[in-house]
């Protein structure tokens, strides 16, 4: 992950017209899938794992019942938050964010500084959640894509607004596994069963030779796992509330992204993890919401989906819905 960027000026100003049009497309309800919790085997020691990332050892971990959003938070949903609260993201306050060079217009490729250790990342002045590739770009054509260029602090602010929270790292992994034990992918052992991609990652030769479009896709573009949760791997990294450990208090991110590629970053797996500072913002990082169990989940929310098993984490028999403050887009 790129290091935090220095302040740049002047910071970009949110386009109220874009925000309003996106907010109009926000869902009227926030629904979460209720999960039973339980004890599962967390981590990995297989050949795909990165021991230096702290994926191992495999250990038994207990998770209390909780609920998780079936998708990451969308651009439209975040726009509703910004419209209501006036929230300014860390990227907007810093005046820049990090963008994959292959997504940039020629003028930004030439002018944006490269990250020395990872030159495919460029620090782009004016890149924000509503202008993901910097000035001249717009998220208006992707309301159902995951919101990006949001720091952990931004994610926490949104979660508080809707009366939810970020998942713990253990909650995230139990949910990502979808009822399967020690499988690297939410659907099983094979990355592309029958040659069919089941997640959004970099295809081709990284970083200069993609053979498919690069970037985010709609949050439900790929089939859900056994718990009814979409894109727990690929598309965007997801902030959690956990700390990376091994001497680092930085927050943990999970799930990998559209830039993960087997040649350098096979972190598109259920046990894979990385970290970034809490104020970091990037073009491939978003978040999803969690909530603690409040007894029997309330009816009227999203379908809980079909469980891969009745073991740890299996969805509750009824669905869970969050009803946060009146200042949210949720009814």
C-alpha atoms as a PDB file:
ATOM      1  CA  UNK A   1       0.000   0.000   0.000  1.00  0.00           C
ATOM      2  CA  UNK A   2       1.301   3.522  -0.761  1.00  0.00           C
ATOM      3  CA  UNK A   3       2.395   5.629   2.198  1.00  0.00           C
ATOM      4  CA  UNK A   4       0.331   8.583   3.421  1.00  0.00           C
ATOM      5  CA  UNK A   5       0.655  11.617   1.190  1.00  0.00           C
ATOM      6  CA  UNK A   6       1.668  15.114   2.208  1.00  0.00           C
ATOM      7  CA  UNK A   7      -0.930  17.855   2.239  1.00  0.00           C
ATOM      8  CA  UNK A   8      -1.554  19.441  -1.150  1.00  0.00           C
ATOM      9  CA  UNK A   9      -3.493  22.588  -1.934  1.00  0.00           C
ATOM     10  CA  UNK A  10      -6.047  23.725  -2.660  1.00  0.00           C
ATOM     11  CA  UNK A  11      -8.243  20.803  -1.528  1.00  0.00           C
ATOM     12  CA  UNK A  12     -10.999  19.859  -3.996  1.00  0.00           C
ATOM     13  CA  UNK A  13     -14.527  21.063  -3.324  1.00  0.00           C
ATOM     14  CA  UNK A  14     -17.361  18.568  -3.541  1.00  0.00           C
ATOM     15  CA  UNK A  15     -19.642  19.121  -6.539  1.00  0.00           C
ATOM     16  CA  UNK A  16     -23.105  19.483  -4.926  1.00  0.00           C
ATOM     17  CA  UNK A  17     -24.870  18.612  -8.188  1.00  0.00           C
ATOM     18  CA  UNK A  18     -23.027  15.317  -8.552  1.00  0.00           C
ATOM     19  CA  UNK A  19     -23.593  14.486  -4.888  1.00  0.00           C
ATOM     20  CA  UNK A  20     -27.318  15.225  -5.127  1.00  0.00           C
ATOM     21  CA  UNK A  21     -27.802  13.145  -8.267  1.00  0.00           C
ATOM     22  CA  UNK A  22     -25.897  10.225  -6.762  1.00  0.00           C
ATOM     23  CA  UNK A  23     -27.707  10.491  -3.415  1.00  0.00           C
ATOM     24  CA  UNK A  24     -31.034  10.295  -5.239  1.00  0.00           C
ATOM     25  CA  UNK A  25     -30.035   6.764  -6.300  1.00  0.00           C
ATOM     26  CA  UNK A  26     -29.161   5.587  -2.790  1.00  0.00           C
ATOM     27  CA  UNK A  27     -31.132   2.597  -1.471  1.00  0.00           C
ATOM     28  CA  UNK A  28     -33.997   3.465   0.846  1.00  0.00           C
ATOM     29  CA  UNK A  29     -32.992   0.800   3.372  1.00  0.00           C
ATOM     30  CA  UNK A  30     -29.794  -0.644   4.704  1.00  0.00           C
ATOM     31  CA  UNK A  31     -30.077  -4.396   5.149  1.00  0.00           C
ATOM     32  CA  UNK A  32     -27.661  -6.747   6.840  1.00  0.00           C
ATOM     33  CA  UNK A  33     -27.427 -10.523   6.726  1.00  0.00           C
ATOM     34  CA  UNK A  34     -27.754 -12.018  10.202  1.00  0.00           C
ATOM     35  CA  UNK A  35     -25.052 -14.616  10.919  1.00  0.00           C
ATOM     36  CA  UNK A  36     -25.109 -17.094  13.782  1.00  0.00           C
ATOM     37  CA  UNK A  37     -21.431 -16.867  14.638  1.00  0.00           C
ATOM     38  CA  UNK A  38     -19.638 -19.848  16.153  1.00  0.00           C
ATOM     39  CA  UNK A  39     -16.126 -21.259  16.187  1.00  0.00           C
ATOM     40  CA  UNK A  40     -14.205 -21.611  12.930  1.00  0.00           C
ATOM     41  CA  UNK A  41     -10.640 -22.220  11.787  1.00  0.00           C
ATOM     42  CA  UNK A  42      -9.160 -18.809  10.976  1.00  0.00           C
ATOM     43  CA  UNK A  43      -6.004 -18.172   8.963  1.00  0.00           C
ATOM     44  CA  UNK A  44      -4.032 -20.261   6.512  1.00  0.00           C
ATOM     45  CA  UNK A  45      -0.743 -22.105   6.265  1.00  0.00           C
ATOM     46  CA  UNK A  46      -1.153 -23.394   2.703  1.00  0.00           C
ATOM     47  CA  UNK A  47       1.140 -22.680  -0.242  1.00  0.00           C
ATOM     48  CA  UNK A  48      -0.818 -19.580  -1.273  1.00  0.00           C
ATOM     49  CA  UNK A  49      -0.487 -17.842   2.103  1.00  0.00           C
ATOM     50  CA  UNK A  50       1.927 -15.036   2.945  1.00  0.00           C
ATOM     51  CA  UNK A  51       3.444 -15.973   6.337  1.00  0.00           C
ATOM     52  CA  UNK A  52       4.904 -12.474   6.712  1.00  0.00           C
ATOM     53  CA  UNK A  53       1.390 -11.030   6.613  1.00  0.00           C
ATOM     54  CA  UNK A  54       0.388 -12.964   9.709  1.00  0.00           C
ATOM     55  CA  UNK A  55      -2.055 -15.280   7.909  1.00  0.00           C
ATOM     56  CA  UNK A  56      -1.015 -18.152  10.133  1.00  0.00           C
ATOM     57  CA  UNK A  57      -1.077 -20.104  12.223  1.00  0.00           C
ATOM     58  CA  UNK A  58      -4.448 -21.683  11.639  1.00  0.00           C
ATOM     59  CA  UNK A  59      -6.325 -21.303  14.918  1.00  0.00           C
ATOM     60  CA  UNK A  60      -9.802 -21.857  16.316  1.00  0.00           C
ATOM     61  CA  UNK A  61     -11.591 -18.536  16.803  1.00  0.00           C
ATOM     62  CA  UNK A  62     -15.034 -17.947  18.290  1.00  0.00           C
ATOM     63  CA  UNK A  63     -17.279 -15.221  16.881  1.00  0.00           C
ATOM     64  CA  UNK A  64     -20.510 -14.096  18.531  1.00  0.00           C
ATOM     65  CA  UNK A  65     -23.644 -13.696  16.381  1.00  0.00           C
ATOM     66  CA  UNK A  66     -23.503 -10.570  14.223  1.00  0.00           C
ATOM     67  CA  UNK A  67     -24.802  -9.142  10.972  1.00  0.00           C
ATOM     68  CA  UNK A  68     -22.954  -8.013   7.842  1.00  0.00           C
ATOM     69  CA  UNK A  69     -23.986  -6.069   4.774  1.00  0.00           C
ATOM     70  CA  UNK A  70     -24.279  -8.267   1.683  1.00  0.00           C
ATOM     71  CA  UNK A  71     -22.235  -5.785  -0.355  1.00  0.00           C
ATOM     72  CA  UNK A  72     -19.748  -3.015   0.183  1.00  0.00           C
ATOM     73  CA  UNK A  73     -21.136   0.503   0.595  1.00  0.00           C
ATOM     74  CA  UNK A  74     -21.914   2.040  -2.783  1.00  0.00           C
ATOM     75  CA  UNK A  75     -21.042   5.428  -4.218  1.00  0.00           C
ATOM     76  CA  UNK A  76     -24.725   6.403  -4.111  1.00  0.00           C
ATOM     77  CA  UNK A  77     -25.119   5.419  -0.462  1.00  0.00           C
ATOM     78  CA  UNK A  78     -22.012   7.387   0.506  1.00  0.00           C
ATOM     79  CA  UNK A  79     -23.343  10.380  -1.440  1.00  0.00           C
ATOM     80  CA  UNK A  80     -26.487  10.359   0.700  1.00  0.00           C
ATOM     81  CA  UNK A  81     -24.269  10.495   3.784  1.00  0.00           C
ATOM     82  CA  UNK A  82     -22.260  13.413   2.403  1.00  0.00           C
ATOM     83  CA  UNK A  83     -25.389  15.282   1.324  1.00  0.00           C
ATOM     84  CA  UNK A  84     -26.918  14.956   4.787  1.00  0.00           C
ATOM     85  CA  UNK A  85     -23.832  15.593   6.928  1.00  0.00           C
ATOM     86  CA  UNK A  86     -21.445  17.625   4.771  1.00  0.00           C
ATOM     87  CA  UNK A  87     -18.695  15.107   5.577  1.00  0.00           C
ATOM     88  CA  UNK A  88     -15.344  15.811   3.933  1.00  0.00           C
ATOM     89  CA  UNK A  89     -13.156  12.778   3.409  1.00  0.00           C
ATOM     90  CA  UNK A  90      -9.494  12.553   4.272  1.00  0.00           C
ATOM     91  CA  UNK A  91      -8.721  12.571   0.533  1.00  0.00           C
ATOM     92  CA  UNK A  92     -10.579  15.863   0.156  1.00  0.00           C
ATOM     93  CA  UNK A  93      -8.862  17.392   3.166  1.00  0.00           C
ATOM     94  CA  UNK A  94      -5.418  16.220   2.051  1.00  0.00           C
ATOM     95  CA  UNK A  95      -6.111  17.357  -1.508  1.00  0.00           C
ATOM     96  CA  UNK A  96      -5.029  14.116  -3.189  1.00  0.00           C
ATOM     97  CA  UNK A  97      -5.387  10.355  -3.252  1.00  0.00           C
ATOM     98  CA  UNK A  98      -3.739   7.384  -4.938  1.00  0.00           C
ATOM     99  CA  UNK A  99      -4.890   6.053  -8.321  1.00  0.00           C
ATOM    100  CA  UNK A 100      -3.692   3.183 -10.527  1.00  0.00           C
ATOM    101  CA  UNK A 101      -1.788   4.671 -13.453  1.00  0.00           C
ATOM    102  CA  UNK A 102      -3.709   2.610 -16.010  1.00  0.00           C
ATOM    103  CA  UNK A 103      -6.929   4.429 -15.077  1.00  0.00           C
ATOM    104  CA  UNK A 104      -5.566   7.935 -15.550  1.00  0.00           C
ATOM    105  CA  UNK A 105      -6.066  10.391 -18.385  1.00  0.00           C
ATOM    106  CA  UNK A 106      -2.791  11.200 -20.210  1.00  0.00           C
ATOM    107  CA  UNK A 107      -2.389  14.583 -18.516  1.00  0.00           C
ATOM    108  CA  UNK A 108      -2.579  13.041 -15.059  1.00  0.00           C
ATOM    109  CA  UNK A 109      -0.190  10.228 -15.987  1.00  0.00           C
ATOM    110  CA  UNK A 110       2.408  12.824 -16.868  1.00  0.00           C
ATOM    111  CA  UNK A 111       1.890  15.163 -13.919  1.00  0.00           C
ATOM    112  CA  UNK A 112       1.035  12.883 -10.981  1.00  0.00           C
ATOM    113  CA  UNK A 113       4.022  11.723  -8.894  1.00  0.00           C
ATOM    114  CA  UNK A 114       4.674   7.986  -8.874  1.00  0.00           C
ATOM    115  CA  UNK A 115       5.096   5.991  -5.677  1.00  0.00           C
ATOM    116  CA  UNK A 116       8.738   4.916  -5.691  1.00  0.00           C
ATOM    117  CA  UNK A 117       8.178   1.376  -4.389  1.00  0.00           C
ATOM    118  CA  UNK A 118       5.083   0.819  -6.548  1.00  0.00           C
ATOM    119  CA  UNK A 119       5.240   3.091  -9.625  1.00  0.00           C
ATOM    120  CA  UNK A 120       1.851   1.904 -10.889  1.00  0.00           C
ATOM    121  CA  UNK A 121       0.389   4.073  -8.120  1.00  0.00           C
ATOM    122  CA  UNK A 122       0.176   7.822  -8.724  1.00  0.00           C
ATOM    123  CA  UNK A 123      -0.619  10.532  -6.192  1.00  0.00           C
ATOM    124  CA  UNK A 124      -3.334  12.466  -8.009  1.00  0.00           C
ATOM    125  CA  UNK A 125      -4.344  15.937  -6.866  1.00  0.00           C
ATOM    126  CA  UNK A 126      -8.127  16.185  -6.710  1.00  0.00           C
ATOM    127  CA  UNK A 127      -8.834  12.440  -6.740  1.00  0.00           C
ATOM    128  CA  UNK A 128     -11.794  11.808  -4.430  1.00  0.00           C
ATOM    129  CA  UNK A 129     -14.744   9.467  -3.948  1.00  0.00           C
ATOM    130  CA  UNK A 130     -16.787  11.552  -6.415  1.00  0.00           C
ATOM    131  CA  UNK A 131     -13.892  12.124  -8.884  1.00  0.00           C
ATOM    132  CA  UNK A 132     -12.086   8.771  -8.650  1.00  0.00           C
ATOM    133  CA  UNK A 133      -9.481   9.447 -11.344  1.00  0.00           C
ATOM    134  CA  UNK A 134      -8.979  13.089 -10.463  1.00  0.00           C
ATOM    135  CA  UNK A 135     -10.250  16.290 -12.092  1.00  0.00           C
ATOM    136  CA  UNK A 136     -12.331  15.606 -15.186  1.00  0.00           C
ATOM    137  CA  UNK A 137     -13.520  12.214 -13.933  1.00  0.00           C
ATOM    138  CA  UNK A 138     -16.811  11.473 -12.203  1.00  0.00           C
ATOM    139  CA  UNK A 139     -18.384   8.669 -10.200  1.00  0.00           C
ATOM    140  CA  UNK A 140     -21.802   9.700 -11.457  1.00  0.00           C
ATOM    141  CA  UNK A 141     -21.835   6.841 -13.975  1.00  0.00           C
ATOM    142  CA  UNK A 142     -21.109   4.237 -11.268  1.00  0.00           C
ATOM    143  CA  UNK A 143     -23.614   4.738  -8.447  1.00  0.00           C
ATOM    144  CA  UNK A 144     -23.750   0.989  -7.746  1.00  0.00           C
ATOM    145  CA  UNK A 145     -19.969   0.566  -7.571  1.00  0.00           C
ATOM    146  CA  UNK A 146     -18.156   0.489  -4.231  1.00  0.00           C
ATOM    147  CA  UNK A 147     -17.232   3.891  -2.883  1.00  0.00           C
ATOM    148  CA  UNK A 148     -13.440   4.312  -2.934  1.00  0.00           C
ATOM    149  CA  UNK A 149     -10.904   6.922  -1.822  1.00  0.00           C
ATOM    150  CA  UNK A 150     -12.285   6.567   1.701  1.00  0.00           C
ATOM    151  CA  UNK A 151     -10.051   6.170   4.737  1.00  0.00           C
ATOM    152  CA  UNK A 152     -10.854   4.055   7.754  1.00  0.00           C
ATOM    153  CA  UNK A 153     -11.831   7.292   9.507  1.00  0.00           C
ATOM    154  CA  UNK A 154     -14.325   8.041   6.718  1.00  0.00           C
ATOM    155  CA  UNK A 155     -15.708   4.501   6.913  1.00  0.00           C
ATOM    156  CA  UNK A 156     -16.170   4.808  10.666  1.00  0.00           C
ATOM    157  CA  UNK A 157     -17.964   8.133  10.250  1.00  0.00           C
ATOM    158  CA  UNK A 158     -20.406   6.591   7.769  1.00  0.00           C
ATOM    159  CA  UNK A 159     -20.944   3.569  10.017  1.00  0.00           C
ATOM    160  CA  UNK A 160     -21.761   5.775  13.004  1.00  0.00           C
ATOM    161  CA  UNK A 161     -24.239   7.710  10.878  1.00  0.00           C
ATOM    162  CA  UNK A 162     -26.232   4.598  10.060  1.00  0.00           C
ATOM    163  CA  UNK A 163     -25.934   3.096  13.521  1.00  0.00           C
ATOM    164  CA  UNK A 164     -23.577   0.315  12.469  1.00  0.00           C
ATOM    165  CA  UNK A 165     -19.827  -0.385  12.712  1.00  0.00           C
ATOM    166  CA  UNK A 166     -16.977  -1.968  10.801  1.00  0.00           C
ATOM    167  CA  UNK A 167     -16.551  -5.746  11.116  1.00  0.00           C
ATOM    168  CA  UNK A 168     -13.820  -7.213  13.230  1.00  0.00           C
ATOM    169  CA  UNK A 169     -11.215  -9.141  11.308  1.00  0.00           C
ATOM    170  CA  UNK A 170     -12.528 -12.473  12.612  1.00  0.00           C
ATOM    171  CA  UNK A 171     -16.113 -11.562  11.692  1.00  0.00           C
ATOM    172  CA  UNK A 172     -14.980 -10.615   8.214  1.00  0.00           C
ATOM    173  CA  UNK A 173     -13.136 -13.892   7.638  1.00  0.00           C
ATOM    174  CA  UNK A 174     -15.893 -16.104   9.013  1.00  0.00           C
ATOM    175  CA  UNK A 175     -18.343 -14.327   6.693  1.00  0.00           C
ATOM    176  CA  UNK A 176     -16.018 -14.485   3.687  1.00  0.00           C
ATOM    177  CA  UNK A 177     -15.625 -18.247   4.018  1.00  0.00           C
ATOM    178  CA  UNK A 178     -19.369 -18.671   3.551  1.00  0.00           C
ATOM    179  CA  UNK A 179     -19.576 -21.812   5.669  1.00  0.00           C
ATOM    180  CA  UNK A 180     -16.570 -23.544   4.079  1.00  0.00           C
ATOM    181  CA  UNK A 181     -13.598 -24.755   6.112  1.00  0.00           C
ATOM    182  CA  UNK A 182     -10.055 -23.729   5.151  1.00  0.00           C
ATOM    183  CA  UNK A 183     -10.843 -22.970   1.510  1.00  0.00           C
ATOM    184  CA  UNK A 184      -8.886 -20.134  -0.129  1.00  0.00           C
ATOM    185  CA  UNK A 185     -11.892 -18.656  -1.943  1.00  0.00           C
ATOM    186  CA  UNK A 186     -15.432 -17.907  -0.803  1.00  0.00           C
ATOM    187  CA  UNK A 187     -16.722 -20.599  -3.190  1.00  0.00           C
ATOM    188  CA  UNK A 188     -14.085 -23.283  -2.642  1.00  0.00           C
ATOM    189  CA  UNK A 189     -10.619 -24.452  -3.640  1.00  0.00           C
ATOM    190  CA  UNK A 190     -10.403 -23.477  -7.313  1.00  0.00           C
ATOM    191  CA  UNK A 191      -9.819 -19.865  -8.297  1.00  0.00           C
ATOM    192  CA  UNK A 192     -11.759 -20.035 -11.570  1.00  0.00           C
ATOM    193  CA  UNK A 193     -13.963 -23.154 -11.603  1.00  0.00           C
ATOM    194  CA  UNK A 194     -14.387 -24.288 -15.177  1.00  0.00           C
ATOM    195  CA  UNK A 195     -12.443 -21.235 -16.329  1.00  0.00           C
ATOM    196  CA  UNK A 196     -15.147 -18.874 -15.024  1.00  0.00           C
ATOM    197  CA  UNK A 197     -13.967 -15.844 -13.019  1.00  0.00           C
ATOM    198  CA  UNK A 198     -15.920 -15.394  -9.788  1.00  0.00           C
ATOM    199  CA  UNK A 199     -14.263 -12.182  -8.604  1.00  0.00           C
ATOM    200  CA  UNK A 200     -12.895  -8.942 -10.027  1.00  0.00           C
ATOM    201  CA  UNK A 201      -9.083  -9.078 -10.124  1.00  0.00           C
ATOM    202  CA  UNK A 202      -6.408  -7.984 -12.604  1.00  0.00           C
ATOM    203  CA  UNK A 203      -6.383 -10.136 -15.737  1.00  0.00           C
ATOM    204  CA  UNK A 204      -3.404 -10.204 -18.099  1.00  0.00           C
ATOM    205  CA  UNK A 205       0.157  -9.068 -17.402  1.00  0.00           C
ATOM    206  CA  UNK A 206       0.461  -6.723 -14.439  1.00  0.00           C
ATOM    207  CA  UNK A 207       0.686  -3.746 -14.524  1.00  0.00           C
ATOM    208  CA  UNK A 208       0.986  -2.757 -18.191  1.00  0.00           C
ATOM    209  CA  UNK A 209      -0.752  -5.558 -20.076  1.00  0.00           C
ATOM    210  CA  UNK A 210      -4.353  -6.029 -18.975  1.00  0.00           C
ATOM    211  CA  UNK A 211      -6.499  -8.196 -21.228  1.00  0.00           C
ATOM    212  CA  UNK A 212      -9.779  -7.087 -19.620  1.00  0.00           C
ATOM    213  CA  UNK A 213     -11.144  -3.805 -18.243  1.00  0.00           C
ATOM    214  CA  UNK A 214      -9.464  -2.608 -15.036  1.00  0.00           C
ATOM    215  CA  UNK A 215     -11.391  -0.948 -12.224  1.00  0.00           C
ATOM    216  CA  UNK A 216     -14.340  -1.433  -9.938  1.00  0.00           C
ATOM    217  CA  UNK A 217     -17.545  -3.197 -10.960  1.00  0.00           C
ATOM    218  CA  UNK A 218     -21.023  -3.063  -9.367  1.00  0.00           C
ATOM    219  CA  UNK A 219     -21.050  -4.403  -5.823  1.00  0.00           C
ATOM    220  CA  UNK A 220     -23.239  -7.387  -6.744  1.00  0.00           C
ATOM    221  CA  UNK A 221     -21.653  -8.126 -10.127  1.00  0.00           C
ATOM    222  CA  UNK A 222     -20.514 -11.616  -9.101  1.00  0.00           C
ATOM    223  CA  UNK A 223     -22.491 -14.412  -7.398  1.00  0.00           C
ATOM    224  CA  UNK A 224     -22.793 -14.324  -3.625  1.00  0.00           C
ATOM    225  CA  UNK A 225     -21.072 -16.864  -1.391  1.00  0.00           C
ATOM    226  CA  UNK A 226     -22.894 -19.441   0.703  1.00  0.00           C
ATOM    227  CA  UNK A 227     -23.982 -16.774   3.184  1.00  0.00           C
ATOM    228  CA  UNK A 228     -25.444 -14.460   0.551  1.00  0.00           C
ATOM    229  CA  UNK A 229     -22.484 -12.031   0.636  1.00  0.00           C
ATOM    230  CA  UNK A 230     -21.129 -10.568  -2.591  1.00  0.00           C
ATOM    231  CA  UNK A 231     -17.484 -10.023  -3.543  1.00  0.00           C
ATOM    232  CA  UNK A 232     -15.841 -10.814  -0.261  1.00  0.00           C
ATOM    233  CA  UNK A 233     -12.708 -11.158  -2.382  1.00  0.00           C
ATOM    234  CA  UNK A 234     -11.709  -8.955  -5.294  1.00  0.00           C
ATOM    235  CA  UNK A 235     -13.120  -5.596  -6.424  1.00  0.00           C
ATOM    236  CA  UNK A 236     -11.979  -3.496  -3.424  1.00  0.00           C
ATOM    237  CA  UNK A 237     -10.045  -3.966  -0.223  1.00  0.00           C
ATOM    238  CA  UNK A 238     -12.296  -3.574   2.818  1.00  0.00           C
ATOM    239  CA  UNK A 239     -11.506  -1.767   6.043  1.00  0.00           C
ATOM    240  CA  UNK A 240     -11.996  -3.693   9.289  1.00  0.00           C
ATOM    241  CA  UNK A 241     -11.738  -2.608  12.916  1.00  0.00           C
ATOM    242  CA  UNK A 242      -8.776  -4.905  13.569  1.00  0.00           C
ATOM    243  CA  UNK A 243      -5.115  -3.973  14.000  1.00  0.00           C
ATOM    244  CA  UNK A 244      -2.456  -5.601  11.827  1.00  0.00           C
ATOM    245  CA  UNK A 245      -0.259  -6.691  14.728  1.00  0.00           C
ATOM    246  CA  UNK A 246       3.423  -7.681  14.595  1.00  0.00           C
ATOM    247  CA  UNK A 247       4.335  -4.267  15.975  1.00  0.00           C
ATOM    248  CA  UNK A 248       1.873  -2.369  13.793  1.00  0.00           C
ATOM    249  CA  UNK A 249      -1.303  -0.750  15.110  1.00  0.00           C
ATOM    250  CA  UNK A 250      -2.419   0.145  11.585  1.00  0.00           C
ATOM    251  CA  UNK A 251      -5.891  -1.099  10.623  1.00  0.00           C
ATOM    252  CA  UNK A 252      -6.306  -4.352   8.733  1.00  0.00           C
ATOM    253  CA  UNK A 253      -7.826  -4.480   5.259  1.00  0.00           C
ATOM    254  CA  UNK A 254      -9.280  -7.663   3.829  1.00  0.00           C
ATOM    255  CA  UNK A 255     -10.408  -9.134   0.541  1.00  0.00           C
ATOM    256  CA  UNK A 256      -7.982  -7.972  -2.133  1.00  0.00           C
ATOM    257  CA  UNK A 257      -8.974  -5.809  -5.087  1.00  0.00           C
ATOM    258  CA  UNK A 258      -9.205  -5.384  -8.841  1.00  0.00           C
ATOM    259  CA  UNK A 259      -5.432  -4.838  -8.843  1.00  0.00           C
ATOM    260  CA  UNK A 260      -4.505  -8.155  -7.233  1.00  0.00           C
ATOM    261  CA  UNK A 261      -2.610 -10.468  -9.576  1.00  0.00           C
ATOM    262  CA  UNK A 262      -0.912 -13.815  -9.008  1.00  0.00           C
ATOM    263  CA  UNK A 263       2.435 -12.408 -10.156  1.00  0.00           C
ATOM    264  CA  UNK A 264       2.815 -10.081  -7.166  1.00  0.00           C
ATOM    265  CA  UNK A 265      -0.258 -10.023  -4.902  1.00  0.00           C
ATOM    266  CA  UNK A 266      -2.348 -13.164  -4.509  1.00  0.00           C
ATOM    267  CA  UNK A 267      -4.230 -11.552  -1.641  1.00  0.00           C
ATOM    268  CA  UNK A 268      -7.628 -12.200  -3.231  1.00  0.00           C
ATOM    269  CA  UNK A 269      -8.226 -15.006  -0.700  1.00  0.00           C
ATOM    270  CA  UNK A 270     -10.339 -15.478   2.403  1.00  0.00           C
ATOM    271  CA  UNK A 271      -7.358 -15.492   4.790  1.00  0.00           C
ATOM    272  CA  UNK A 272      -5.252 -12.777   3.113  1.00  0.00           C
ATOM    273  CA  UNK A 273      -4.648  -9.477   4.864  1.00  0.00           C
ATOM    274  CA  UNK A 274      -2.801  -6.197   4.523  1.00  0.00           C
ATOM    275  CA  UNK A 275      -2.715  -2.870   6.352  1.00  0.00           C
ATOM    276  CA  UNK A 276      -2.668   0.882   5.809  1.00  0.00           C
ATOM    277  CA  UNK A 277      -2.702   3.939   8.035  1.00  0.00           C
ATOM    278  CA  UNK A 278      -6.170   4.968   9.191  1.00  0.00           C
ATOM    279  CA  UNK A 279      -6.126   8.141   7.071  1.00  0.00           C
ATOM    280  CA  UNK A 280      -5.000   6.413   3.854  1.00  0.00           C
ATOM    281  CA  UNK A 281      -7.256   6.613   0.819  1.00  0.00           C
ATOM    282  CA  UNK A 282      -6.863   4.677  -2.399  1.00  0.00           C
ATOM    283  CA  UNK A 283      -8.751   3.936  -5.591  1.00  0.00           C
ATOM    284  CA  UNK A 284      -9.134   0.260  -4.683  1.00  0.00           C
ATOM    285  CA  UNK A 285     -10.292   0.509  -1.061  1.00  0.00           C
ATOM    286  CA  UNK A 286     -13.822   0.612   0.355  1.00  0.00           C
ATOM    287  CA  UNK A 287     -15.781  -0.956   3.224  1.00  0.00           C
ATOM    288  CA  UNK A 288     -18.872  -2.852   4.304  1.00  0.00           C
ATOM    289  CA  UNK A 289     -20.900  -2.592   7.491  1.00  0.00           C
ATOM    290  CA  UNK A 290     -21.471  -4.835  10.473  1.00  0.00           C
ATOM    291  CA  UNK A 291     -23.707  -4.782  13.524  1.00  0.00           C
ATOM    292  CA  UNK A 292     -23.720  -6.710  16.768  1.00  0.00           C
ATOM    293  CA  UNK A 293     -26.579  -9.070  17.399  1.00  0.00           C
ATOM    294  CA  UNK A 294     -29.472  -7.505  19.266  1.00  0.00           C
ATOM    295  CA  UNK A 295     -31.234 -10.717  20.125  1.00  0.00           C
ATOM    296  CA  UNK A 296     -33.570 -12.129  17.511  1.00  0.00           C
ATOM    297  CA  UNK A 297     -32.978 -10.350  14.193  1.00  0.00           C
ATOM    298  CA  UNK A 298     -35.856  -8.182  13.045  1.00  0.00           C
ATOM    299  CA  UNK A 299     -37.901  -9.210  10.033  1.00  0.00           C
ATOM    300  CA  UNK A 300     -38.274  -7.087   6.944  1.00  0.00           C
ATOM    301  CA  UNK A 301     -34.662  -6.809   5.827  1.00  0.00           C
ATOM    302  CA  UNK A 302     -32.770  -8.519   3.054  1.00  0.00           C
ATOM    303  CA  UNK A 303     -32.987 -12.219   2.412  1.00  0.00           C
ATOM    304  CA  UNK A 304     -30.417 -14.081   4.442  1.00  0.00           C
ATOM    305  CA  UNK A 305     -29.393 -16.198   1.469  1.00  0.00           C
ATOM    306  CA  UNK A 306     -28.641 -19.890   1.377  1.00  0.00           C
ATOM    307  CA  UNK A 307     -25.963 -21.255   3.651  1.00  0.00           C
ATOM    308  CA  UNK A 308     -23.229 -23.521   2.380  1.00  0.00           C
ATOM    309  CA  UNK A 309     -23.617 -25.423   5.640  1.00  0.00           C
ATOM    310  CA  UNK A 310     -25.349 -25.194   8.969  1.00  0.00           C
ATOM    311  CA  UNK A 311     -21.981 -24.806  10.685  1.00  0.00           C
ATOM    312  CA  UNK A 312     -20.223 -21.704  12.063  1.00  0.00           C
ATOM    313  CA  UNK A 313     -21.593 -18.442  10.751  1.00  0.00           C
ATOM    314  CA  UNK A 314     -24.585 -19.890   8.912  1.00  0.00           C
ATOM    315  CA  UNK A 315     -27.218 -17.216   8.214  1.00  0.00           C
ATOM    316  CA  UNK A 316     -30.019 -16.824  10.700  1.00  0.00           C
ATOM    317  CA  UNK A 317     -33.418 -18.158   9.765  1.00  0.00           C
ATOM    318  CA  UNK A 318     -34.686 -14.598   9.499  1.00  0.00           C
ATOM    319  CA  UNK A 319     -32.951 -11.557   8.091  1.00  0.00           C
ATOM    320  CA  UNK A 320     -31.545  -8.594   9.903  1.00  0.00           C
ATOM    321  CA  UNK A 321     -32.155  -4.938   9.198  1.00  0.00           C
ATOM    322  CA  UNK A 322     -30.503  -1.910  10.752  1.00  0.00           C
ATOM    323  CA  UNK A 323     -32.738   1.061  11.571  1.00  0.00           C
ATOM    324  CA  UNK A 324     -30.339   3.892  12.418  1.00  0.00           C
ATOM    325  CA  UNK A 325     -30.910   7.548  13.174  1.00  0.00           C
ATOM    326  CA  UNK A 326     -33.452   9.703  11.312  1.00  0.00           C
ATOM    327  CA  UNK A 327     -30.520  11.477   9.684  1.00  0.00           C
ATOM    328  CA  UNK A 328     -29.684   8.466   7.554  1.00  0.00           C
ATOM    329  CA  UNK A 329     -31.006   7.263   4.179  1.00  0.00           C
ATOM    330  CA  UNK A 330     -32.518   4.257   5.894  1.00  0.00           C
ATOM    331  CA  UNK A 331     -36.218   4.085   6.615  1.00  0.00           C
END
